Amino acid sequence: MRFEGRCWRFGDNIPTDRLVKTQHVLEPMDVIVQHVLEDLNPDFPKLVRPGDIVFAGKHFGQSSGRAIAAKALQATRIGCVVAETFARTFYRNCFEIGLPALEIGINPDLAADGDRVRADLASGEFTNLTTGRTARGAAADPFLVDMLDAGGLIDLAKSRPEVFR
């Protein structure tokens, strides 16, 4: 599970309400995706491209546990979300819907907007290909990788009914 793309840098303590504002949570996904993270970077919903990587600081996805925030981020077609730390519910929601997430535990300004970056969930390694700087977090649990490979928790349960009885 290796992802490489352009970096979109966000700071610490980003709540799910900043990923998707309350007034948009009941909209169709094609509308929601036009507003993802727009308060923090108005260019993000306009310029994000498939494979780009969201890179954030501490407590990404905190506050409410609404799964729509992870789903909206996934709908932008980013490759992966990397953070120093995640709110646990948000982290779990990412894997359950099939959105790769890497927690690296340390974030000494490893990347800036526009840098070319790589995240490797199997090794836990994050590399800024522009600067050559690297950080290593914990590798993703094999069960979580299986969940991502399957496309999320529901697809994993369908493919492995013997595990989910």
N, C-alpha and C. Protein backbone atom coordinates (compact mmCIF):
# COMPACT_ATOMS: atom_id res chain seq x y z
N MET A 1 0.84 -1.18 0.00
CA MET A 1 0.00 0.00 0.00
C MET A 1 0.88 1.24 0.00
N ARG A 2 1.26 1.67 -1.15
CA ARG A 2 2.11 2.84 -1.30
C ARG A 2 1.38 3.88 -2.16
N PHE A 3 1.42 5.13 -1.70
CA PHE A 3 0.72 6.21 -2.39
C PHE A 3 1.70 7.34 -2.62
N GLU A 4 1.63 7.92 -3.80
CA GLU A 4 2.53 9.02 -4.13
C GLU A 4 1.72 10.10 -4.83
N GLY A 5 1.94 11.35 -4.42
CA GLY A 5 1.20 12.43 -5.05
C GLY A 5 1.60 13.79 -4.52
N ARG A 6 0.85 14.78 -4.93
CA ARG A 6 1.08 16.16 -4.50
C ARG A 6 0.51 16.35 -3.11
N CYS A 7 1.24 17.09 -2.28
CA CYS A 7 0.84 17.31 -0.90
C CYS A 7 -0.09 18.51 -0.75
N TRP A 8 -1.11 18.32 0.08
CA TRP A 8 -1.98 19.41 0.54
C TRP A 8 -1.79 19.48 2.04
N ARG A 9 -1.17 20.52 2.53
CA ARG A 9 -0.78 20.66 3.93
C ARG A 9 -1.86 21.37 4.74
N PHE A 10 -2.23 20.75 5.87
CA PHE A 10 -3.17 21.35 6.81
C PHE A 10 -2.56 21.26 8.20
N GLY A 11 -3.05 22.05 9.13
CA GLY A 11 -2.46 22.14 10.45
C GLY A 11 -3.02 21.18 11.47
N ASP A 12 -2.95 21.59 12.73
CA ASP A 12 -3.41 20.80 13.86
C ASP A 12 -4.90 21.03 14.13
N ASN A 13 -5.48 20.07 14.83
CA ASN A 13 -6.84 20.20 15.38
C ASN A 13 -7.90 20.52 14.33
N ILE A 14 -7.88 19.80 13.22
CA ILE A 14 -8.87 20.01 12.16
C ILE A 14 -10.09 19.14 12.48
N PRO A 15 -11.22 19.76 12.85
CA PRO A 15 -12.41 18.96 13.17
C PRO A 15 -13.14 18.53 11.90
N THR A 16 -13.97 17.51 12.06
CA THR A 16 -14.75 17.03 10.92
C THR A 16 -15.67 18.13 10.38
N ASP A 17 -16.07 19.06 11.25
CA ASP A 17 -16.92 20.17 10.81
C ASP A 17 -16.20 21.11 9.84
N ARG A 18 -14.87 21.07 9.82
CA ARG A 18 -14.11 21.88 8.86
C ARG A 18 -13.89 21.10 7.56
N LEU A 19 -13.93 19.78 7.65
CA LEU A 19 -13.84 18.96 6.43
C LEU A 19 -15.12 19.13 5.62
N VAL A 20 -16.25 19.02 6.31
CA VAL A 20 -17.57 19.20 5.69
C VAL A 20 -18.39 20.07 6.63
N LYS A 21 -18.71 21.26 6.18
CA LYS A 21 -19.51 22.16 7.01
C LYS A 21 -20.92 21.61 7.19
N THR A 22 -21.49 21.92 8.34
CA THR A 22 -22.80 21.40 8.72
C THR A 22 -23.85 21.63 7.63
N GLN A 23 -23.85 22.79 7.00
CA GLN A 23 -24.90 23.07 6.01
C GLN A 23 -24.82 22.17 4.77
N HIS A 24 -23.71 21.43 4.62
CA HIS A 24 -23.56 20.58 3.43
C HIS A 24 -23.74 19.08 3.71
N VAL A 25 -23.85 18.67 4.96
CA VAL A 25 -23.83 17.23 5.26
C VAL A 25 -24.99 16.44 4.64
N LEU A 26 -26.09 17.08 4.35
CA LEU A 26 -27.23 16.37 3.75
C LEU A 26 -27.32 16.54 2.24
N GLU A 27 -26.36 17.24 1.67
CA GLU A 27 -26.32 17.43 0.22
C GLU A 27 -25.85 16.15 -0.46
N PRO A 28 -26.10 16.02 -1.75
CA PRO A 28 -25.53 14.88 -2.50
C PRO A 28 -23.99 15.00 -2.50
N MET A 29 -23.32 13.88 -2.60
CA MET A 29 -21.86 13.88 -2.51
C MET A 29 -21.21 14.76 -3.58
N ASP A 30 -21.80 14.84 -4.77
CA ASP A 30 -21.20 15.68 -5.81
C ASP A 30 -21.23 17.16 -5.43
N VAL A 31 -22.12 17.55 -4.54
CA VAL A 31 -22.15 18.92 -4.02
C VAL A 31 -21.19 19.05 -2.85
N ILE A 32 -21.22 18.09 -1.94
CA ILE A 32 -20.34 18.12 -0.77
C ILE A 32 -18.88 18.23 -1.19
N VAL A 33 -18.48 17.46 -2.17
CA VAL A 33 -17.08 17.42 -2.59
C VAL A 33 -16.58 18.79 -3.09
N GLN A 34 -17.50 19.63 -3.51
CA GLN A 34 -17.13 20.98 -3.96
C GLN A 34 -16.79 21.91 -2.79
N HIS A 35 -16.99 21.43 -1.56
CA HIS A 35 -16.77 22.27 -0.38
C HIS A 35 -15.81 21.66 0.65
N VAL A 36 -15.23 20.51 0.36
CA VAL A 36 -14.33 19.84 1.31
C VAL A 36 -13.14 20.74 1.64
N LEU A 37 -12.96 21.00 2.92
CA LEU A 37 -11.84 21.79 3.44
C LEU A 37 -11.75 23.21 2.88
N GLU A 38 -12.83 23.71 2.32
CA GLU A 38 -12.77 25.02 1.66
C GLU A 38 -12.47 26.17 2.62
N ASP A 39 -12.87 26.05 3.89
CA ASP A 39 -12.57 27.12 4.85
C ASP A 39 -11.08 27.22 5.14
N LEU A 40 -10.39 26.10 5.08
CA LEU A 40 -8.97 26.07 5.40
C LEU A 40 -8.10 26.33 4.18
N ASN A 41 -8.57 25.94 3.01
CA ASN A 41 -7.87 26.21 1.75
C ASN A 41 -8.89 26.24 0.63
N PRO A 42 -9.33 27.43 0.23
CA PRO A 42 -10.37 27.53 -0.81
C PRO A 42 -9.98 26.88 -2.13
N ASP A 43 -8.68 26.69 -2.37
CA ASP A 43 -8.25 26.05 -3.61
C ASP A 43 -8.41 24.53 -3.58
N PHE A 44 -8.44 23.96 -2.37
CA PHE A 44 -8.46 22.50 -2.28
C PHE A 44 -9.60 21.86 -3.08
N PRO A 45 -10.87 22.23 -2.85
CA PRO A 45 -11.93 21.55 -3.60
C PRO A 45 -11.89 21.83 -5.10
N LYS A 46 -11.26 22.91 -5.49
CA LYS A 46 -11.18 23.27 -6.91
C LYS A 46 -10.02 22.57 -7.62
N LEU A 47 -8.90 22.38 -6.89
CA LEU A 47 -7.67 21.94 -7.55
C LEU A 47 -7.17 20.55 -7.14
N VAL A 48 -7.79 19.93 -6.13
CA VAL A 48 -7.35 18.60 -5.71
C VAL A 48 -7.51 17.64 -6.89
N ARG A 49 -6.55 16.74 -7.02
CA ARG A 49 -6.55 15.78 -8.13
C ARG A 49 -6.44 14.36 -7.59
N PRO A 50 -6.91 13.38 -8.36
CA PRO A 50 -6.78 11.99 -7.93
C PRO A 50 -5.32 11.67 -7.57
N GLY A 51 -5.15 11.00 -6.44
CA GLY A 51 -3.82 10.61 -6.00
C GLY A 51 -3.13 11.60 -5.09
N ASP A 52 -3.63 12.83 -5.00
CA ASP A 52 -3.02 13.80 -4.09
C ASP A 52 -3.09 13.27 -2.66
N ILE A 53 -2.24 13.81 -1.79
CA ILE A 53 -2.18 13.35 -0.42
C ILE A 53 -2.42 14.51 0.53
N VAL A 54 -3.39 14.32 1.42
CA VAL A 54 -3.66 15.30 2.47
C VAL A 54 -2.71 15.00 3.62
N PHE A 55 -2.00 16.03 4.08
CA PHE A 55 -1.00 15.91 5.13
C PHE A 55 -1.33 16.90 6.23
N ALA A 56 -1.52 16.40 7.46
CA ALA A 56 -1.98 17.27 8.54
C ALA A 56 -1.20 17.00 9.83
N GLY A 57 -1.47 17.85 10.81
CA GLY A 57 -0.79 17.76 12.10
C GLY A 57 -1.52 16.87 13.08
N LYS A 58 -1.63 17.36 14.30
CA LYS A 58 -2.23 16.60 15.40
C LYS A 58 -3.76 16.65 15.35
N HIS A 59 -4.36 15.57 15.77
CA HIS A 59 -5.81 15.47 16.00
C HIS A 59 -6.65 15.74 14.75
N PHE A 60 -6.22 15.25 13.61
CA PHE A 60 -6.99 15.43 12.38
C PHE A 60 -8.29 14.65 12.49
N GLY A 61 -9.41 15.29 12.16
CA GLY A 61 -10.72 14.65 12.17
C GLY A 61 -11.36 14.59 13.55
N GLN A 62 -10.98 15.51 14.41
CA GLN A 62 -11.53 15.51 15.77
C GLN A 62 -12.97 16.03 15.79
N SER A 63 -13.56 16.04 16.94
CA SER A 63 -14.94 16.49 17.22
C SER A 63 -15.93 15.39 16.90
N SER A 64 -16.91 15.71 16.09
CA SER A 64 -17.97 14.72 15.84
C SER A 64 -17.41 13.54 15.07
N GLY A 65 -18.03 12.41 15.22
CA GLY A 65 -17.58 11.20 14.55
C GLY A 65 -18.31 10.96 13.24
N ARG A 66 -18.81 12.02 12.61
CA ARG A 66 -19.59 11.79 11.40
C ARG A 66 -18.73 11.18 10.29
N ALA A 67 -19.18 10.06 9.82
CA ALA A 67 -18.47 9.35 8.76
C ALA A 67 -18.50 10.13 7.45
N ILE A 68 -19.44 11.05 7.29
CA ILE A 68 -19.53 11.82 6.05
C ILE A 68 -18.24 12.60 5.80
N ALA A 69 -17.52 12.98 6.85
CA ALA A 69 -16.27 13.73 6.66
C ALA A 69 -15.23 12.87 5.95
N ALA A 70 -15.05 11.64 6.38
CA ALA A 70 -14.10 10.74 5.72
C ALA A 70 -14.58 10.40 4.31
N LYS A 71 -15.89 10.19 4.16
CA LYS A 71 -16.44 9.87 2.84
C LYS A 71 -16.24 11.02 1.86
N ALA A 72 -16.42 12.25 2.34
CA ALA A 72 -16.25 13.41 1.47
C ALA A 72 -14.78 13.55 1.05
N LEU A 73 -13.88 13.32 1.98
CA LEU A 73 -12.46 13.38 1.66
C LEU A 73 -12.12 12.31 0.63
N GLN A 74 -12.66 11.12 0.82
CA GLN A 74 -12.43 10.03 -0.14
C GLN A 74 -13.01 10.39 -1.52
N ALA A 75 -14.14 11.07 -1.54
CA ALA A 75 -14.79 11.43 -2.80
C ALA A 75 -13.96 12.41 -3.63
N THR A 76 -13.01 13.09 -3.00
CA THR A 76 -12.11 13.96 -3.77
C THR A 76 -11.11 13.15 -4.58
N ARG A 77 -11.06 11.83 -4.28
CA ARG A 77 -10.20 10.86 -4.95
C ARG A 77 -8.72 11.02 -4.58
N ILE A 78 -8.47 11.57 -3.35
CA ILE A 78 -7.10 11.61 -2.88
C ILE A 78 -6.60 10.18 -2.73
N GLY A 79 -5.27 10.02 -2.70
CA GLY A 79 -4.72 8.69 -2.54
C GLY A 79 -4.69 8.25 -1.09
N CYS A 80 -4.44 9.21 -0.19
CA CYS A 80 -4.19 8.85 1.20
C CYS A 80 -4.28 10.12 2.04
N VAL A 81 -4.55 9.94 3.33
CA VAL A 81 -4.47 11.04 4.28
C VAL A 81 -3.43 10.64 5.33
N VAL A 82 -2.50 11.56 5.59
CA VAL A 82 -1.41 11.34 6.54
C VAL A 82 -1.51 12.42 7.60
N ALA A 83 -1.35 12.04 8.86
CA ALA A 83 -1.40 13.03 9.94
C ALA A 83 -0.45 12.62 11.06
N GLU A 84 -0.06 13.60 11.83
CA GLU A 84 0.74 13.30 13.01
C GLU A 84 -0.07 12.39 13.92
N THR A 85 -1.32 12.78 14.22
CA THR A 85 -2.26 11.92 14.93
C THR A 85 -3.66 12.17 14.39
N PHE A 86 -4.51 11.16 14.50
CA PHE A 86 -5.91 11.25 14.09
C PHE A 86 -6.81 11.12 15.30
N ALA A 87 -7.98 11.72 15.22
CA ALA A 87 -9.04 11.37 16.16
C ALA A 87 -9.36 9.90 15.87
N ARG A 88 -9.52 9.10 16.91
CA ARG A 88 -9.66 7.66 16.73
C ARG A 88 -10.87 7.29 15.89
N THR A 89 -12.00 7.96 16.09
CA THR A 89 -13.19 7.63 15.31
C THR A 89 -12.97 7.94 13.84
N PHE A 90 -12.35 9.08 13.54
CA PHE A 90 -12.07 9.43 12.15
C PHE A 90 -11.14 8.40 11.52
N TYR A 91 -10.10 8.01 12.24
CA TYR A 91 -9.14 7.02 11.75
C TYR A 91 -9.86 5.72 11.40
N ARG A 92 -10.70 5.25 12.32
CA ARG A 92 -11.47 4.03 12.09
C ARG A 92 -12.39 4.19 10.87
N ASN A 93 -13.06 5.34 10.78
CA ASN A 93 -13.95 5.58 9.65
C ASN A 93 -13.21 5.51 8.32
N CYS A 94 -11.99 6.02 8.28
CA CYS A 94 -11.20 5.98 7.04
C CYS A 94 -11.07 4.55 6.54
N PHE A 95 -10.60 3.66 7.40
CA PHE A 95 -10.40 2.27 6.98
C PHE A 95 -11.72 1.59 6.66
N GLU A 96 -12.75 1.88 7.41
CA GLU A 96 -14.04 1.22 7.18
C GLU A 96 -14.63 1.56 5.82
N ILE A 97 -14.31 2.75 5.29
CA ILE A 97 -14.83 3.11 3.97
C ILE A 97 -13.81 2.89 2.86
N GLY A 98 -12.59 2.48 3.23
CA GLY A 98 -11.57 2.21 2.22
C GLY A 98 -10.67 3.40 1.90
N LEU A 99 -10.57 4.36 2.80
CA LEU A 99 -9.68 5.52 2.60
C LEU A 99 -8.39 5.27 3.37
N PRO A 100 -7.26 5.11 2.69
CA PRO A 100 -6.00 4.87 3.38
C PRO A 100 -5.60 6.04 4.28
N ALA A 101 -5.12 5.70 5.47
CA ALA A 101 -4.69 6.70 6.45
C ALA A 101 -3.40 6.23 7.11
N LEU A 102 -2.46 7.14 7.28
CA LEU A 102 -1.18 6.83 7.91
C LEU A 102 -0.92 7.83 9.01
N GLU A 103 -0.70 7.31 10.21
CA GLU A 103 -0.37 8.15 11.36
C GLU A 103 1.14 8.06 11.58
N ILE A 104 1.84 9.20 11.47
CA ILE A 104 3.29 9.14 11.55
C ILE A 104 3.85 9.55 12.90
N GLY A 105 3.02 10.10 13.80
CA GLY A 105 3.45 10.37 15.16
C GLY A 105 4.34 11.57 15.35
N ILE A 106 5.01 12.00 14.33
CA ILE A 106 5.86 13.19 14.43
C ILE A 106 5.73 13.95 13.11
N ASN A 107 5.66 15.25 13.23
CA ASN A 107 5.42 16.05 12.03
C ASN A 107 6.25 17.34 12.09
N PRO A 108 7.56 17.23 12.00
CA PRO A 108 8.38 18.44 12.07
C PRO A 108 8.40 19.18 10.73
N ASP A 109 7.22 19.63 10.33
CA ASP A 109 7.10 20.35 9.05
C ASP A 109 7.73 19.58 7.91
N LEU A 110 7.35 18.33 7.80
CA LEU A 110 7.92 17.45 6.78
C LEU A 110 7.54 17.81 5.36
N ALA A 111 6.42 18.48 5.19
CA ALA A 111 5.96 18.74 3.83
C ALA A 111 5.19 20.05 3.77
N ALA A 112 5.19 20.62 2.59
CA ALA A 112 4.46 21.86 2.33
C ALA A 112 3.53 21.64 1.14
N ASP A 113 2.57 22.53 0.99
CA ASP A 113 1.67 22.44 -0.17
C ASP A 113 2.49 22.32 -1.45
N GLY A 114 2.09 21.38 -2.28
CA GLY A 114 2.71 21.22 -3.59
C GLY A 114 3.91 20.29 -3.62
N ASP A 115 4.48 19.96 -2.45
CA ASP A 115 5.60 19.01 -2.46
C ASP A 115 5.13 17.66 -2.99
N ARG A 116 6.04 16.93 -3.58
CA ARG A 116 5.76 15.57 -4.01
C ARG A 116 6.07 14.66 -2.83
N VAL A 117 5.10 13.83 -2.40
CA VAL A 117 5.26 13.01 -1.20
C VAL A 117 4.84 11.56 -1.48
N ARG A 118 5.32 10.67 -0.59
CA ARG A 118 4.96 9.26 -0.68
C ARG A 118 4.62 8.75 0.71
N ALA A 119 3.56 7.97 0.81
CA ALA A 119 3.17 7.33 2.06
C ALA A 119 3.09 5.84 1.81
N ASP A 120 3.74 5.08 2.69
CA ASP A 120 3.76 3.63 2.57
C ASP A 120 3.13 3.04 3.84
N LEU A 121 1.90 2.56 3.72
CA LEU A 121 1.19 2.04 4.88
C LEU A 121 1.81 0.76 5.41
N ALA A 122 2.39 -0.05 4.53
CA ALA A 122 2.98 -1.32 4.96
C ALA A 122 4.20 -1.12 5.85
N SER A 123 4.98 -0.07 5.57
CA SER A 123 6.18 0.19 6.37
C SER A 123 5.97 1.31 7.39
N GLY A 124 4.92 2.11 7.20
CA GLY A 124 4.68 3.26 8.07
C GLY A 124 5.54 4.45 7.71
N GLU A 125 6.16 4.41 6.55
CA GLU A 125 7.09 5.47 6.16
C GLU A 125 6.42 6.56 5.32
N PHE A 126 6.75 7.79 5.66
CA PHE A 126 6.30 8.96 4.89
C PHE A 126 7.55 9.66 4.38
N THR A 127 7.61 9.92 3.09
CA THR A 127 8.78 10.55 2.48
C THR A 127 8.36 11.77 1.68
N ASN A 128 9.04 12.87 1.92
CA ASN A 128 8.88 14.05 1.09
C ASN A 128 9.89 13.90 -0.04
N LEU A 129 9.40 13.59 -1.21
CA LEU A 129 10.27 13.36 -2.36
C LEU A 129 10.91 14.65 -2.86
N THR A 130 10.31 15.79 -2.53
CA THR A 130 10.86 17.08 -2.92
C THR A 130 12.09 17.42 -2.09
N THR A 131 12.03 17.18 -0.78
CA THR A 131 13.14 17.55 0.11
C THR A 131 14.00 16.37 0.53
N GLY A 132 13.50 15.15 0.39
CA GLY A 132 14.23 13.97 0.82
C GLY A 132 14.04 13.62 2.29
N ARG A 133 13.25 14.40 3.02
CA ARG A 133 13.02 14.13 4.45
C ARG A 133 12.04 12.97 4.61
N THR A 134 12.26 12.17 5.66
CA THR A 134 11.45 10.98 5.91
C THR A 134 11.07 10.89 7.38
N ALA A 135 9.90 10.35 7.64
CA ALA A 135 9.45 10.03 8.99
C ALA A 135 8.83 8.65 8.95
N ARG A 136 8.89 7.97 10.07
CA ARG A 136 8.31 6.63 10.13
C ARG A 136 7.35 6.55 11.30
N GLY A 137 6.14 6.11 10.99
CA GLY A 137 5.15 5.83 12.02
C GLY A 137 4.96 4.33 12.10
N ALA A 138 3.90 3.92 12.74
CA ALA A 138 3.60 2.50 12.82
C ALA A 138 3.00 2.03 11.50
N ALA A 139 3.41 0.87 11.06
CA ALA A 139 2.81 0.28 9.87
C ALA A 139 1.34 -0.03 10.16
N ALA A 140 0.53 0.04 9.15
CA ALA A 140 -0.89 -0.28 9.32
C ALA A 140 -1.05 -1.75 9.69
N ASP A 141 -1.97 -2.01 10.58
CA ASP A 141 -2.27 -3.38 10.99
C ASP A 141 -2.69 -4.19 9.75
N PRO A 142 -2.22 -5.43 9.62
CA PRO A 142 -2.58 -6.24 8.44
C PRO A 142 -4.08 -6.36 8.22
N PHE A 143 -4.86 -6.42 9.30
CA PHE A 143 -6.31 -6.49 9.14
C PHE A 143 -6.83 -5.22 8.47
N LEU A 144 -6.29 -4.06 8.85
CA LEU A 144 -6.72 -2.80 8.24
C LEU A 144 -6.31 -2.74 6.77
N VAL A 145 -5.14 -3.27 6.46
CA VAL A 145 -4.70 -3.33 5.06
C VAL A 145 -5.63 -4.24 4.26
N ASP A 146 -6.02 -5.38 4.85
CA ASP A 146 -6.99 -6.25 4.19
C ASP A 146 -8.30 -5.50 3.94
N MET A 147 -8.70 -4.70 4.92
CA MET A 147 -9.93 -3.93 4.78
C MET A 147 -9.81 -2.94 3.61
N LEU A 148 -8.67 -2.27 3.51
CA LEU A 148 -8.45 -1.33 2.40
C LEU A 148 -8.43 -2.07 1.07
N ASP A 149 -7.72 -3.20 1.02
CA ASP A 149 -7.65 -3.98 -0.22
C ASP A 149 -9.04 -4.41 -0.69
N ALA A 150 -9.91 -4.71 0.26
CA ALA A 150 -11.27 -5.14 -0.08
C ALA A 150 -12.16 -3.98 -0.50
N GLY A 151 -11.77 -2.75 -0.15
CA GLY A 151 -12.59 -1.59 -0.48
C GLY A 151 -13.36 -1.04 0.71
N GLY A 152 -13.09 -1.56 1.90
CA GLY A 152 -13.77 -1.10 3.11
C GLY A 152 -14.33 -2.28 3.88
N LEU A 153 -14.91 -1.98 5.03
CA LEU A 153 -15.39 -3.02 5.93
C LEU A 153 -16.52 -3.86 5.33
N ILE A 154 -17.47 -3.22 4.69
CA ILE A 154 -18.61 -3.97 4.13
C ILE A 154 -18.13 -4.94 3.06
N ASP A 155 -17.25 -4.48 2.18
CA ASP A 155 -16.73 -5.36 1.13
C ASP A 155 -15.87 -6.47 1.72
N LEU A 156 -15.13 -6.18 2.77
CA LEU A 156 -14.34 -7.22 3.43
C LEU A 156 -15.26 -8.27 4.04
N ALA A 157 -16.33 -7.83 4.69
CA ALA A 157 -17.27 -8.77 5.29
C ALA A 157 -17.92 -9.66 4.23
N LYS A 158 -18.22 -9.09 3.07
CA LYS A 158 -18.81 -9.88 1.99
C LYS A 158 -17.82 -10.90 1.45
N SER A 159 -16.54 -10.52 1.40
CA SER A 159 -15.54 -11.42 0.83
C SER A 159 -15.04 -12.47 1.82
N ARG A 160 -15.27 -12.25 3.11
CA ARG A 160 -14.79 -13.18 4.14
C ARG A 160 -15.88 -13.48 5.16
N PRO A 161 -16.98 -14.06 4.72
CA PRO A 161 -18.10 -14.29 5.64
C PRO A 161 -17.73 -15.17 6.83
N GLU A 162 -16.72 -16.02 6.67
CA GLU A 162 -16.33 -16.89 7.78
C GLU A 162 -15.76 -16.10 8.95
N VAL A 163 -15.24 -14.91 8.71
CA VAL A 163 -14.68 -14.07 9.75
C VAL A 163 -15.76 -13.23 10.43
N PHE A 164 -16.82 -12.92 9.70
CA PHE A 164 -17.84 -12.00 10.18
C PHE A 164 -19.18 -12.68 10.47
N ARG A 165 -19.14 -13.81 11.13
CA ARG A 165 -20.38 -14.51 11.48
C ARG A 165 -20.94 -13.98 12.75
